[in-house]
Amino acid sequence: MDKKLQEELKVKLEEERNSIQKELESFASEDPNLKHNWDAKYPNREDGDKDEEADEVQEYDNMLSLEHSLELKLKDVNNALEKITEGKYGICEKCGKEIEEERLKAAPEARFHLKCNGN
């Protein structure tokens, strides 16, 4: 892979990591006991009635789903950044072939090339 492209993708990955972490920090806190794990904060409003409590439960459920999705994305981004450092970036985890540049430009955290991703 071209070093210039790899550097561009590294910058893109770092920006994505910062963006994801910022979004997670807006409604969750990092678990001090479990690396790369976040805990959504329960939206506890004081003196709420049953309707407000039901809304809190629904809001919390939505935050848990978003938290999980963002954690997975962050894991892939961090994994890609580690691969760049190790000199293993852009290699399909399934078959060992190079991942298409177009795919990496669209999704720099990609772990598989197009053929292996569908299987």
PDB file of N, CA and C in Angstrom:
ATOM      1  N   MET A   1       0.846  -1.181   0.000  1.00  0.00           N
ATOM      2  CA  MET A   1       0.000   0.000   0.000  1.00  0.00           C
ATOM      3  C   MET A   1       0.888   1.239   0.000  1.00  0.00           C
ATOM      4  N   ASP A   2       0.454   2.216  -0.739  1.00  0.00           N
ATOM      5  CA  ASP A   2       1.133   3.504  -0.832  1.00  0.00           C
ATOM      6  C   ASP A   2       1.201   4.154   0.552  1.00  0.00           C
ATOM      7  N   LYS A   3       2.401   4.611   0.945  1.00  0.00           N
ATOM      8  CA  LYS A   3       2.595   5.216   2.274  1.00  0.00           C
ATOM      9  C   LYS A   3       1.768   6.487   2.454  1.00  0.00           C
ATOM     10  N   LYS A   4       1.615   7.267   1.390  1.00  0.00           N
ATOM     11  CA  LYS A   4       0.830   8.495   1.481  1.00  0.00           C
ATOM     12  C   LYS A   4      -0.631   8.167   1.776  1.00  0.00           C
ATOM     13  N   LEU A   5      -1.165   7.171   1.079  1.00  0.00           N
ATOM     14  CA  LEU A   5      -2.552   6.759   1.319  1.00  0.00           C
ATOM     15  C   LEU A   5      -2.697   6.221   2.736  1.00  0.00           C
ATOM     16  N   GLN A   6      -1.750   5.424   3.175  1.00  0.00           N
ATOM     17  CA  GLN A   6      -1.823   4.868   4.524  1.00  0.00           C
ATOM     18  C   GLN A   6      -1.824   5.989   5.566  1.00  0.00           C
ATOM     19  N   GLU A   7      -1.018   7.018   5.360  1.00  0.00           N
ATOM     20  CA  GLU A   7      -0.978   8.138   6.292  1.00  0.00           C
ATOM     21  C   GLU A   7      -2.310   8.891   6.290  1.00  0.00           C
ATOM     22  N   GLU A   8      -2.905   9.076   5.110  1.00  0.00           N
ATOM     23  CA  GLU A   8      -4.209   9.738   5.008  1.00  0.00           C
ATOM     24  C   GLU A   8      -5.274   8.936   5.754  1.00  0.00           C
ATOM     25  N   LEU A   9      -5.230   7.623   5.599  1.00  0.00           N
ATOM     26  CA  LEU A   9      -6.207   6.768   6.268  1.00  0.00           C
ATOM     27  C   LEU A   9      -5.980   6.757   7.781  1.00  0.00           C
ATOM     28  N   LYS A  10      -4.732   6.839   8.186  1.00  0.00           N
ATOM     29  CA  LYS A  10      -4.426   6.903   9.626  1.00  0.00           C
ATOM     30  C   LYS A  10      -5.032   8.164  10.230  1.00  0.00           C
ATOM     31  N   VAL A  11      -4.883   9.286   9.551  1.00  0.00           N
ATOM     32  CA  VAL A  11      -5.464  10.543  10.033  1.00  0.00           C
ATOM     33  C   VAL A  11      -6.987  10.419  10.107  1.00  0.00           C
ATOM     34  N   LYS A  12      -7.573   9.827   9.076  1.00  0.00           N
ATOM     35  CA  LYS A  12      -9.031   9.640   9.051  1.00  0.00           C
ATOM     36  C   LYS A  12      -9.481   8.754  10.218  1.00  0.00           C
ATOM     37  N   LEU A  13      -8.727   7.691  10.485  1.00  0.00           N
ATOM     38  CA  LEU A  13      -9.051   6.797  11.593  1.00  0.00           C
ATOM     39  C   LEU A  13      -8.929   7.512  12.941  1.00  0.00           C
ATOM     40  N   GLU A  14      -7.887   8.310  13.099  1.00  0.00           N
ATOM     41  CA  GLU A  14      -7.717   9.048  14.358  1.00  0.00           C
ATOM     42  C   GLU A  14      -8.854  10.043  14.565  1.00  0.00           C
ATOM     43  N   GLU A  15      -9.279  10.709  13.499  1.00  0.00           N
ATOM     44  CA  GLU A  15     -10.406  11.633  13.596  1.00  0.00           C
ATOM     45  C   GLU A  15     -11.684  10.887  13.956  1.00  0.00           C
ATOM     46  N   GLU A  16     -11.878   9.721  13.346  1.00  0.00           N
ATOM     47  CA  GLU A  16     -13.060   8.900  13.643  1.00  0.00           C
ATOM     48  C   GLU A  16     -13.042   8.446  15.101  1.00  0.00           C
ATOM     49  N   ARG A  17     -11.872   8.024  15.586  1.00  0.00           N
ATOM     50  CA  ARG A  17     -11.753   7.592  16.981  1.00  0.00           C
ATOM     51  C   ARG A  17     -12.134   8.732  17.924  1.00  0.00           C
ATOM     52  N   ASN A  18     -11.604   9.918  17.661  1.00  0.00           N
ATOM     53  CA  ASN A  18     -11.912  11.074  18.511  1.00  0.00           C
ATOM     54  C   ASN A  18     -13.404  11.407  18.482  1.00  0.00           C
ATOM     55  N   SER A  19     -14.002  11.322  17.307  1.00  0.00           N
ATOM     56  CA  SER A  19     -15.426  11.610  17.161  1.00  0.00           C
ATOM     57  C   SER A  19     -16.281  10.603  17.934  1.00  0.00           C
ATOM     58  N   ILE A  20     -15.949   9.331  17.818  1.00  0.00           N
ATOM     59  CA  ILE A  20     -16.696   8.285  18.523  1.00  0.00           C
ATOM     60  C   ILE A  20     -16.550   8.457  20.032  1.00  0.00           C
ATOM     61  N   GLN A  21     -15.325   8.705  20.488  1.00  0.00           N
ATOM     62  CA  GLN A  21     -15.112   8.882  21.920  1.00  0.00           C
ATOM     63  C   GLN A  21     -15.884  10.087  22.452  1.00  0.00           C
ATOM     64  N   LYS A  22     -15.898  11.161  21.683  1.00  0.00           N
ATOM     65  CA  LYS A  22     -16.637  12.352  22.100  1.00  0.00           C
ATOM     66  C   LYS A  22     -18.135  12.052  22.194  1.00  0.00           C
ATOM     67  N   GLU A  23     -18.657  11.327  21.215  1.00  0.00           N
ATOM     68  CA  GLU A  23     -20.074  10.975  21.246  1.00  0.00           C
ATOM     69  C   GLU A  23     -20.380  10.070  22.440  1.00  0.00           C
ATOM     70  N   LEU A  24     -19.526   9.091  22.705  1.00  0.00           N
ATOM     71  CA  LEU A  24     -19.731   8.212  23.854  1.00  0.00           C
ATOM     72  C   LEU A  24     -19.697   9.005  25.166  1.00  0.00           C
ATOM     73  N   GLU A  25     -18.770   9.936  25.271  1.00  0.00           N
ATOM     74  CA  GLU A  25     -18.650  10.734  26.489  1.00  0.00           C
ATOM     75  C   GLU A  25     -19.889  11.586  26.758  1.00  0.00           C
ATOM     76  N   SER A  26     -20.676  11.845  25.726  1.00  0.00           N
ATOM     77  CA  SER A  26     -21.873  12.674  25.913  1.00  0.00           C
ATOM     78  C   SER A  26     -22.984  11.952  26.682  1.00  0.00           C
ATOM     79  N   PHE A  27     -22.936  10.609  26.740  1.00  0.00           N
ATOM     80  CA  PHE A  27     -23.998   9.894  27.446  1.00  0.00           C
ATOM     81  C   PHE A  27     -23.503   8.668  28.220  1.00  0.00           C
ATOM     82  N   ALA A  28     -22.193   8.434  28.212  1.00  0.00           N
ATOM     83  CA  ALA A  28     -21.650   7.253  28.884  1.00  0.00           C
ATOM     84  C   ALA A  28     -20.311   7.603  29.522  1.00  0.00           C
ATOM     85  N   SER A  29     -19.863   6.710  30.394  1.00  0.00           N
ATOM     86  CA  SER A  29     -18.539   6.887  30.991  1.00  0.00           C
ATOM     87  C   SER A  29     -17.737   5.611  30.752  1.00  0.00           C
ATOM     88  N   GLU A  30     -16.428   5.797  30.614  1.00  0.00           N
ATOM     89  CA  GLU A  30     -15.560   4.657  30.357  1.00  0.00           C
ATOM     90  C   GLU A  30     -15.447   3.817  31.622  1.00  0.00           C
ATOM     91  N   ASP A  31     -15.577   2.522  31.472  1.00  0.00           N
ATOM     92  CA  ASP A  31     -15.491   1.599  32.600  1.00  0.00           C
ATOM     93  C   ASP A  31     -14.028   1.493  33.042  1.00  0.00           C
ATOM     94  N   PRO A  32     -13.704   1.878  34.292  1.00  0.00           N
ATOM     95  CA  PRO A  32     -12.306   1.836  34.732  1.00  0.00           C
ATOM     96  C   PRO A  32     -11.778   0.413  34.916  1.00  0.00           C
ATOM     97  N   ASN A  33     -12.685  -0.552  35.015  1.00  0.00           N
ATOM     98  CA  ASN A  33     -12.282  -1.935  35.265  1.00  0.00           C
ATOM     99  C   ASN A  33     -12.196  -2.801  34.017  1.00  0.00           C
ATOM    100  N   LEU A  34     -12.731  -2.307  32.909  1.00  0.00           N
ATOM    101  CA  LEU A  34     -12.756  -3.109  31.688  1.00  0.00           C
ATOM    102  C   LEU A  34     -12.358  -2.234  30.506  1.00  0.00           C
ATOM    103  N   LYS A  35     -11.196  -2.513  29.947  1.00  0.00           N
ATOM    104  CA  LYS A  35     -10.655  -1.712  28.860  1.00  0.00           C
ATOM    105  C   LYS A  35     -11.599  -1.710  27.654  1.00  0.00           C
ATOM    106  N   HIS A  36     -11.763  -0.552  27.062  1.00  0.00           N
ATOM    107  CA  HIS A  36     -12.581  -0.344  25.861  1.00  0.00           C
ATOM    108  C   HIS A  36     -14.064  -0.618  26.097  1.00  0.00           C
ATOM    109  N   ASN A  37     -14.507  -0.519  27.341  1.00  0.00           N
ATOM    110  CA  ASN A  37     -15.920  -0.713  27.647  1.00  0.00           C
ATOM    111  C   ASN A  37     -16.488   0.589  28.209  1.00  0.00           C
ATOM    112  N   TRP A  38     -17.682   0.914  27.763  1.00  0.00           N
ATOM    113  CA  TRP A  38     -18.362   2.133  28.209  1.00  0.00           C
ATOM    114  C   TRP A  38     -19.671   1.750  28.867  1.00  0.00           C
ATOM    115  N   ASP A  39     -20.113   2.570  29.807  1.00  0.00           N
ATOM    116  CA  ASP A  39     -21.367   2.341  30.509  1.00  0.00           C
ATOM    117  C   ASP A  39     -22.278   3.549  30.325  1.00  0.00           C
ATOM    118  N   ALA A  40     -23.422   3.326  29.696  1.00  0.00           N
ATOM    119  CA  ALA A  40     -24.388   4.406  29.505  1.00  0.00           C
ATOM    120  C   ALA A  40     -24.910   4.862  30.865  1.00  0.00           C
ATOM    121  N   LYS A  41     -25.063   6.171  31.008  1.00  0.00           N
ATOM    122  CA  LYS A  41     -25.582   6.737  32.244  1.00  0.00           C
ATOM    123  C   LYS A  41     -27.107   6.695  32.204  1.00  0.00           C
ATOM    124  N   TYR A  42     -27.690   6.228  33.294  1.00  0.00           N
ATOM    125  CA  TYR A  42     -29.148   6.171  33.362  1.00  0.00           C
ATOM    126  C   TYR A  42     -29.699   7.582  33.531  1.00  0.00           C
ATOM    127  N   PRO A  43     -30.641   7.988  32.678  1.00  0.00           N
ATOM    128  CA  PRO A  43     -31.183   9.355  32.735  1.00  0.00           C
ATOM    129  C   PRO A  43     -32.201   9.511  33.856  1.00  0.00           C
ATOM    130  N   ASN A  44     -31.735   9.566  35.077  1.00  0.00           N
ATOM    131  CA  ASN A  44     -32.613   9.613  36.240  1.00  0.00           C
ATOM    132  C   ASN A  44     -33.039  11.046  36.530  1.00  0.00           C
ATOM    133  N   ARG A  45     -34.300  11.301  36.324  1.00  0.00           N
ATOM    134  CA  ARG A  45     -34.860  12.623  36.632  1.00  0.00           C
ATOM    135  C   ARG A  45     -35.571  12.544  37.978  1.00  0.00           C
ATOM    136  N   GLU A  46     -35.359  13.530  38.794  1.00  0.00           N
ATOM    137  CA  GLU A  46     -35.969  13.555  40.129  1.00  0.00           C
ATOM    138  C   GLU A  46     -37.473  13.805  40.042  1.00  0.00           C
ATOM    139  N   ASP A  47     -38.207  13.207  40.978  1.00  0.00           N
ATOM    140  CA  ASP A  47     -39.644  13.447  41.143  1.00  0.00           C
ATOM    141  C   ASP A  47     -40.447  13.239  39.864  1.00  0.00           C
ATOM    142  N   GLY A  48     -40.152  12.188  39.121  1.00  0.00           N
ATOM    143  CA  GLY A  48     -40.889  11.917  37.893  1.00  0.00           C
ATOM    144  C   GLY A  48     -42.092  11.031  38.154  1.00  0.00           C
ATOM    145  N   ASP A  49     -43.100  11.175  37.320  1.00  0.00           N
ATOM    146  CA  ASP A  49     -44.257  10.297  37.438  1.00  0.00           C
ATOM    147  C   ASP A  49     -43.993   9.029  36.628  1.00  0.00           C
ATOM    148  N   LYS A  50     -44.981   8.141  36.576  1.00  0.00           N
ATOM    149  CA  LYS A  50     -44.793   6.853  35.894  1.00  0.00           C
ATOM    150  C   LYS A  50     -44.515   7.028  34.401  1.00  0.00           C
ATOM    151  N   ASP A  51     -45.134   8.015  33.770  1.00  0.00           N
ATOM    152  CA  ASP A  51     -44.875   8.259  32.347  1.00  0.00           C
ATOM    153  C   ASP A  51     -43.432   8.697  32.122  1.00  0.00           C
ATOM    154  N   GLU A  52     -42.942   9.557  33.004  1.00  0.00           N
ATOM    155  CA  GLU A  52     -41.554  10.009  32.885  1.00  0.00           C
ATOM    156  C   GLU A  52     -40.580   8.872  33.159  1.00  0.00           C
ATOM    157  N   GLU A  53     -40.924   8.005  34.098  1.00  0.00           N
ATOM    158  CA  GLU A  53     -40.077   6.849  34.388  1.00  0.00           C
ATOM    159  C   GLU A  53     -40.031   5.902  33.191  1.00  0.00           C
ATOM    160  N   ALA A  54     -41.162   5.725  32.534  1.00  0.00           N
ATOM    161  CA  ALA A  54     -41.198   4.886  31.334  1.00  0.00           C
ATOM    162  C   ALA A  54     -40.351   5.497  30.224  1.00  0.00           C
ATOM    163  N   ASP A  55     -40.402   6.818  30.105  1.00  0.00           N
ATOM    164  CA  ASP A  55     -39.567   7.509  29.125  1.00  0.00           C
ATOM    165  C   ASP A  55     -38.085   7.324  29.436  1.00  0.00           C
ATOM    166  N   GLU A  56     -37.738   7.351  30.728  1.00  0.00           N
ATOM    167  CA  GLU A  56     -36.349   7.152  31.131  1.00  0.00           C
ATOM    168  C   GLU A  56     -35.864   5.762  30.733  1.00  0.00           C
ATOM    169  N   VAL A  57     -36.702   4.776  30.957  1.00  0.00           N
ATOM    170  CA  VAL A  57     -36.337   3.402  30.597  1.00  0.00           C
ATOM    171  C   VAL A  57     -36.133   3.291  29.089  1.00  0.00           C
ATOM    172  N   GLN A  58     -37.021   3.874  28.316  1.00  0.00           N
ATOM    173  CA  GLN A  58     -36.907   3.835  26.856  1.00  0.00           C
ATOM    174  C   GLN A  58     -35.653   4.571  26.395  1.00  0.00           C
ATOM    175  N   GLU A  59     -35.390   5.730  26.981  1.00  0.00           N
ATOM    176  CA  GLU A  59     -34.199   6.507  26.621  1.00  0.00           C
ATOM    177  C   GLU A  59     -32.934   5.721  26.953  1.00  0.00           C
ATOM    178  N   TYR A  60     -32.914   5.083  28.103  1.00  0.00           N
ATOM    179  CA  TYR A  60     -31.760   4.281  28.518  1.00  0.00           C
ATOM    180  C   TYR A  60     -31.557   3.106  27.563  1.00  0.00           C
ATOM    181  N   ASP A  61     -32.639   2.459  27.186  1.00  0.00           N
ATOM    182  CA  ASP A  61     -32.559   1.345  26.243  1.00  0.00           C
ATOM    183  C   ASP A  61     -31.962   1.809  24.912  1.00  0.00           C
ATOM    184  N   ASN A  62     -32.383   2.959  24.444  1.00  0.00           N
ATOM    185  CA  ASN A  62     -31.836   3.529  23.209  1.00  0.00           C
ATOM    186  C   ASN A  62     -30.347   3.841  23.354  1.00  0.00           C
ATOM    187  N   MET A  63     -29.968   4.375  24.516  1.00  0.00           N
ATOM    188  CA  MET A  63     -28.561   4.699  24.751  1.00  0.00           C
ATOM    189  C   MET A  63     -27.707   3.434  24.800  1.00  0.00           C
ATOM    190  N   LEU A  64     -28.246   2.360  25.378  1.00  0.00           N
ATOM    191  CA  LEU A  64     -27.495   1.102  25.426  1.00  0.00           C
ATOM    192  C   LEU A  64     -27.222   0.568  24.014  1.00  0.00           C
ATOM    193  N   SER A  65     -28.214   0.652  23.151  1.00  0.00           N
ATOM    194  CA  SER A  65     -28.033   0.202  21.768  1.00  0.00           C
ATOM    195  C   SER A  65     -26.977   1.039  21.055  1.00  0.00           C
ATOM    196  N   LEU A  66     -27.054   2.344  21.220  1.00  0.00           N
ATOM    197  CA  LEU A  66     -26.086   3.238  20.601  1.00  0.00           C
ATOM    198  C   LEU A  66     -24.693   3.003  21.175  1.00  0.00           C
ATOM    199  N   GLU A  67     -24.626   2.840  22.484  1.00  0.00           N
ATOM    200  CA  GLU A  67     -23.339   2.573  23.134  1.00  0.00           C
ATOM    201  C   GLU A  67     -22.688   1.329  22.546  1.00  0.00           C
ATOM    202  N   HIS A  68     -23.448   0.273  22.421  1.00  0.00           N
ATOM    203  CA  HIS A  68     -22.917  -0.987  21.882  1.00  0.00           C
ATOM    204  C   HIS A  68     -22.405  -0.797  20.453  1.00  0.00           C
ATOM    205  N   SER A  69     -23.184  -0.138  19.646  1.00  0.00           N
ATOM    206  CA  SER A  69     -22.799   0.108  18.260  1.00  0.00           C
ATOM    207  C   SER A  69     -21.513   0.936  18.175  1.00  0.00           C
ATOM    208  N   LEU A  70     -21.437   1.984  18.974  1.00  0.00           N
ATOM    209  CA  LEU A  70     -20.248   2.838  18.966  1.00  0.00           C
ATOM    210  C   LEU A  70     -19.030   2.111  19.515  1.00  0.00           C
ATOM    211  N   GLU A  71     -19.222   1.279  20.529  1.00  0.00           N
ATOM    212  CA  GLU A  71     -18.108   0.494  21.070  1.00  0.00           C
ATOM    213  C   GLU A  71     -17.523  -0.433  20.009  1.00  0.00           C
ATOM    214  N   LEU A  72     -18.387  -1.084  19.240  1.00  0.00           N
ATOM    215  CA  LEU A  72     -17.913  -1.972  18.177  1.00  0.00           C
ATOM    216  C   LEU A  72     -17.144  -1.202  17.109  1.00  0.00           C
ATOM    217  N   LYS A  73     -17.669  -0.056  16.730  1.00  0.00           N
ATOM    218  CA  LYS A  73     -17.005   0.787  15.733  1.00  0.00           C
ATOM    219  C   LYS A  73     -15.650   1.253  16.268  1.00  0.00           C
ATOM    220  N   LEU A  74     -15.620   1.686  17.521  1.00  0.00           N
ATOM    221  CA  LEU A  74     -14.380   2.148  18.136  1.00  0.00           C
ATOM    222  C   LEU A  74     -13.357   1.017  18.206  1.00  0.00           C
ATOM    223  N   LYS A  75     -13.815  -0.170  18.504  1.00  0.00           N
ATOM    224  CA  LYS A  75     -12.916  -1.337  18.552  1.00  0.00           C
ATOM    225  C   LYS A  75     -12.279  -1.564  17.177  1.00  0.00           C
ATOM    226  N   ASP A  76     -13.074  -1.491  16.117  1.00  0.00           N
ATOM    227  CA  ASP A  76     -12.539  -1.677  14.767  1.00  0.00           C
ATOM    228  C   ASP A  76     -11.549  -0.576  14.394  1.00  0.00           C
ATOM    229  N   VAL A  77     -11.855   0.653  14.772  1.00  0.00           N
ATOM    230  CA  VAL A  77     -10.965   1.783  14.477  1.00  0.00           C
ATOM    231  C   VAL A  77      -9.641   1.610  15.221  1.00  0.00           C
ATOM    232  N   ASN A  78      -9.704   1.285  16.510  1.00  0.00           N
ATOM    233  CA  ASN A  78      -8.482   1.075  17.288  1.00  0.00           C
ATOM    234  C   ASN A  78      -7.672  -0.097  16.743  1.00  0.00           C
ATOM    235  N   ASN A  79      -8.353  -1.139  16.316  1.00  0.00           N
ATOM    236  CA  ASN A  79      -7.696  -2.302  15.731  1.00  0.00           C
ATOM    237  C   ASN A  79      -6.942  -1.904  14.453  1.00  0.00           C
ATOM    238  N   ALA A  80      -7.578  -1.099  13.622  1.00  0.00           N
ATOM    239  CA  ALA A  80      -6.937  -0.650  12.385  1.00  0.00           C
ATOM    240  C   ALA A  80      -5.713   0.208  12.688  1.00  0.00           C
ATOM    241  N   LEU A  81      -5.815   1.097  13.683  1.00  0.00           N
ATOM    242  CA  LEU A  81      -4.674   1.932  14.064  1.00  0.00           C
ATOM    243  C   LEU A  81      -3.511   1.083  14.591  1.00  0.00           C
ATOM    244  N   GLU A  82      -3.826   0.039  15.349  1.00  0.00           N
ATOM    245  CA  GLU A  82      -2.789  -0.874  15.834  1.00  0.00           C
ATOM    246  C   GLU A  82      -2.115  -1.596  14.666  1.00  0.00           C
ATOM    247  N   LYS A  83      -2.904  -1.990  13.680  1.00  0.00           N
ATOM    248  CA  LYS A  83      -2.343  -2.672  12.510  1.00  0.00           C
ATOM    249  C   LYS A  83      -1.406  -1.750  11.738  1.00  0.00           C
ATOM    250  N   ILE A  84      -1.738  -0.475  11.655  1.00  0.00           N
ATOM    251  CA  ILE A  84      -0.847   0.479  10.983  1.00  0.00           C
ATOM    252  C   ILE A  84       0.486   0.512  11.714  1.00  0.00           C
ATOM    253  N   THR A  85       0.443   0.596  13.028  1.00  0.00           N
ATOM    254  CA  THR A  85       1.659   0.630  13.835  1.00  0.00           C
ATOM    255  C   THR A  85       2.488  -0.637  13.653  1.00  0.00           C
ATOM    256  N   GLU A  86       1.805  -1.782  13.550  1.00  0.00           N
ATOM    257  CA  GLU A  86       2.479  -3.073  13.424  1.00  0.00           C
ATOM    258  C   GLU A  86       2.881  -3.401  11.978  1.00  0.00           C
ATOM    259  N   GLY A  87       2.457  -2.561  11.030  1.00  0.00           N
ATOM    260  CA  GLY A  87       2.776  -2.827   9.626  1.00  0.00           C
ATOM    261  C   GLY A  87       1.908  -3.913   9.008  1.00  0.00           C
ATOM    262  N   LYS A  88       0.716  -4.138   9.575  1.00  0.00           N
ATOM    263  CA  LYS A  88      -0.184  -5.188   9.087  1.00  0.00           C
ATOM    264  C   LYS A  88      -1.487  -4.627   8.539  1.00  0.00           C
ATOM    265  N   TYR A  89      -1.517  -3.333   8.308  1.00  0.00           N
ATOM    266  CA  TYR A  89      -2.752  -2.682   7.879  1.00  0.00           C
ATOM    267  C   TYR A  89      -3.082  -3.011   6.423  1.00  0.00           C
ATOM    268  N   GLY A  90      -4.386  -3.169   6.152  1.00  0.00           N
ATOM    269  CA  GLY A  90      -4.843  -3.386   4.785  1.00  0.00           C
ATOM    270  C   GLY A  90      -4.803  -4.827   4.339  1.00  0.00           C
ATOM    271  N   ILE A  91      -4.624  -5.741   5.270  1.00  0.00           N
ATOM    272  CA  ILE A  91      -4.571  -7.169   4.956  1.00  0.00           C
ATOM    273  C   ILE A  91      -5.841  -7.826   5.497  1.00  0.00           C
ATOM    274  N   CYS A  92      -6.507  -8.586   4.644  1.00  0.00           N
ATOM    275  CA  CYS A  92      -7.736  -9.275   5.027  1.00  0.00           C
ATOM    276  C   CYS A  92      -7.456 -10.279   6.144  1.00  0.00           C
ATOM    277  N   GLU A  93      -8.247 -10.217   7.192  1.00  0.00           N
ATOM    278  CA  GLU A  93      -8.075 -11.127   8.325  1.00  0.00           C
ATOM    279  C   GLU A  93      -8.494 -12.558   7.994  1.00  0.00           C
ATOM    280  N   LYS A  94      -9.272 -12.731   6.959  1.00  0.00           N
ATOM    281  CA  LYS A  94      -9.774 -14.060   6.620  1.00  0.00           C
ATOM    282  C   LYS A  94      -8.830 -14.805   5.675  1.00  0.00           C
ATOM    283  N   CYS A  95      -8.414 -14.134   4.594  1.00  0.00           N
ATOM    284  CA  CYS A  95      -7.628 -14.841   3.577  1.00  0.00           C
ATOM    285  C   CYS A  95      -6.192 -14.348   3.434  1.00  0.00           C
ATOM    286  N   GLY A  96      -5.869 -13.202   4.048  1.00  0.00           N
ATOM    287  CA  GLY A  96      -4.508 -12.688   3.994  1.00  0.00           C
ATOM    288  C   GLY A  96      -4.175 -11.863   2.764  1.00  0.00           C
ATOM    289  N   LYS A  97      -5.153 -11.652   1.890  1.00  0.00           N
ATOM    290  CA  LYS A  97      -4.922 -10.827   0.699  1.00  0.00           C
ATOM    291  C   LYS A  97      -5.105  -9.357   1.048  1.00  0.00           C
ATOM    292  N   GLU A  98      -4.577  -8.489   0.179  1.00  0.00           N
ATOM    293  CA  GLU A  98      -4.732  -7.057   0.405  1.00  0.00           C
ATOM    294  C   GLU A  98      -6.186  -6.638   0.233  1.00  0.00           C
ATOM    295  N   ILE A  99      -6.634  -5.741   1.105  1.00  0.00           N
ATOM    296  CA  ILE A  99      -7.971  -5.164   1.005  1.00  0.00           C
ATOM    297  C   ILE A  99      -7.920  -4.082  -0.068  1.00  0.00           C
ATOM    298  N   GLU A 100      -8.958  -4.008  -0.879  1.00  0.00           N
ATOM    299  CA  GLU A 100      -9.023  -3.042  -1.963  1.00  0.00           C
ATOM    300  C   GLU A 100      -8.895  -1.615  -1.432  1.00  0.00           C
ATOM    301  N   GLU A 101      -8.102  -0.779  -2.123  1.00  0.00           N
ATOM    302  CA  GLU A 101      -7.905   0.608  -1.704  1.00  0.00           C
ATOM    303  C   GLU A 101      -9.225   1.365  -1.645  1.00  0.00           C
ATOM    304  N   GLU A 102     -10.110   1.109  -2.614  1.00  0.00           N
ATOM    305  CA  GLU A 102     -11.404   1.796  -2.630  1.00  0.00           C
ATOM    306  C   GLU A 102     -12.197   1.472  -1.374  1.00  0.00           C
ATOM    307  N   ARG A 103     -12.113   0.227  -0.935  1.00  0.00           N
ATOM    308  CA  ARG A 103     -12.813  -0.194   0.285  1.00  0.00           C
ATOM    309  C   ARG A 103     -12.230   0.509   1.503  1.00  0.00           C
ATOM    310  N   LEU A 104     -10.904   0.570   1.572  1.00  0.00           N
ATOM    311  CA  LEU A 104     -10.263   1.231   2.703  1.00  0.00           C
ATOM    312  C   LEU A 104     -10.542   2.726   2.718  1.00  0.00           C
ATOM    313  N   LYS A 105     -10.640   3.321   1.552  1.00  0.00           N
ATOM    314  CA  LYS A 105     -10.971   4.746   1.500  1.00  0.00           C
ATOM    315  C   LYS A 105     -12.385   4.987   2.028  1.00  0.00           C
ATOM    316  N   ALA A 106     -13.289   4.073   1.728  1.00  0.00           N
ATOM    317  CA  ALA A 106     -14.681   4.200   2.178  1.00  0.00           C
ATOM    318  C   ALA A 106     -14.836   3.806   3.650  1.00  0.00           C
ATOM    319  N   ALA A 107     -14.108   2.787   4.055  1.00  0.00           N
ATOM    320  CA  ALA A 107     -14.190   2.281   5.432  1.00  0.00           C
ATOM    321  C   ALA A 107     -12.781   1.893   5.885  1.00  0.00           C
ATOM    322  N   PRO A 108     -11.989   2.860   6.351  1.00  0.00           N
ATOM    323  CA  PRO A 108     -10.600   2.568   6.695  1.00  0.00           C
ATOM    324  C   PRO A 108     -10.419   1.537   7.810  1.00  0.00           C
ATOM    325  N   GLU A 109     -11.491   1.266   8.549  1.00  0.00           N
ATOM    326  CA  GLU A 109     -11.411   0.263   9.615  1.00  0.00           C
ATOM    327  C   GLU A 109     -11.727  -1.143   9.112  1.00  0.00           C
ATOM    328  N   ALA A 110     -11.946  -1.307   7.816  1.00  0.00           N
ATOM    329  CA  ALA A 110     -12.321  -2.602   7.240  1.00  0.00           C
ATOM    330  C   ALA A 110     -11.311  -3.683   7.611  1.00  0.00           C
ATOM    331  N   ARG A 111     -11.829  -4.857   7.961  1.00  0.00           N
ATOM    332  CA  ARG A 111     -10.996  -5.979   8.359  1.00  0.00           C
ATOM    333  C   ARG A 111     -10.888  -7.043   7.272  1.00  0.00           C
ATOM    334  N   PHE A 112     -11.796  -6.981   6.290  1.00  0.00           N
ATOM    335  CA  PHE A 112     -11.841  -7.995   5.243  1.00  0.00           C
ATOM    336  C   PHE A 112     -11.952  -7.330   3.878  1.00  0.00           C
ATOM    337  N   HIS A 113     -11.470  -8.004   2.835  1.00  0.00           N
ATOM    338  CA  HIS A 113     -11.691  -7.461   1.505  1.00  0.00           C
ATOM    339  C   HIS A 113     -13.104  -7.847   1.062  1.00  0.00           C
ATOM    340  N   LEU A 114     -13.561  -7.300  -0.041  1.00  0.00           N
ATOM    341  CA  LEU A 114     -14.965  -7.422  -0.433  1.00  0.00           C
ATOM    342  C   LEU A 114     -15.458  -8.866  -0.533  1.00  0.00           C
ATOM    343  N   LYS A 115     -14.692  -9.746  -1.143  1.00  0.00           N
ATOM    344  CA  LYS A 115     -15.140 -11.141  -1.315  1.00  0.00           C
ATOM    345  C   LYS A 115     -15.291 -11.859   0.028  1.00  0.00           C
ATOM    346  N   CYS A 116     -14.349 -11.665   0.924  1.00  0.00           N
ATOM    347  CA  CYS A 116     -14.420 -12.331   2.233  1.00  0.00           C
ATOM    348  C   CYS A 116     -15.460 -11.689   3.153  1.00  0.00           C
ATOM    349  N   ASN A 117     -15.735 -10.407   2.973  1.00  0.00           N
ATOM    350  CA  ASN A 117     -16.696  -9.720   3.815  1.00  0.00           C
ATOM    351  C   ASN A 117     -18.105 -10.289   3.625  1.00  0.00           C
ATOM    352  N   GLY A 118     -18.414 -10.735   2.434  1.00  0.00           N
ATOM    353  CA  GLY A 118     -19.747 -11.259   2.139  1.00  0.00           C
ATOM    354  C   GLY A 118     -19.933 -12.711   2.556  1.00  0.00           C
ATOM    355  N   ASN A 119     -18.868 -13.381   2.909  1.00  0.00           N
ATOM    356  CA  ASN A 119     -18.967 -14.810   3.254  1.00  0.00           C
ATOM    357  C   ASN A 119     -18.883 -15.032   4.732  1.00  0.00           C
TER     358      ASN A 119
END
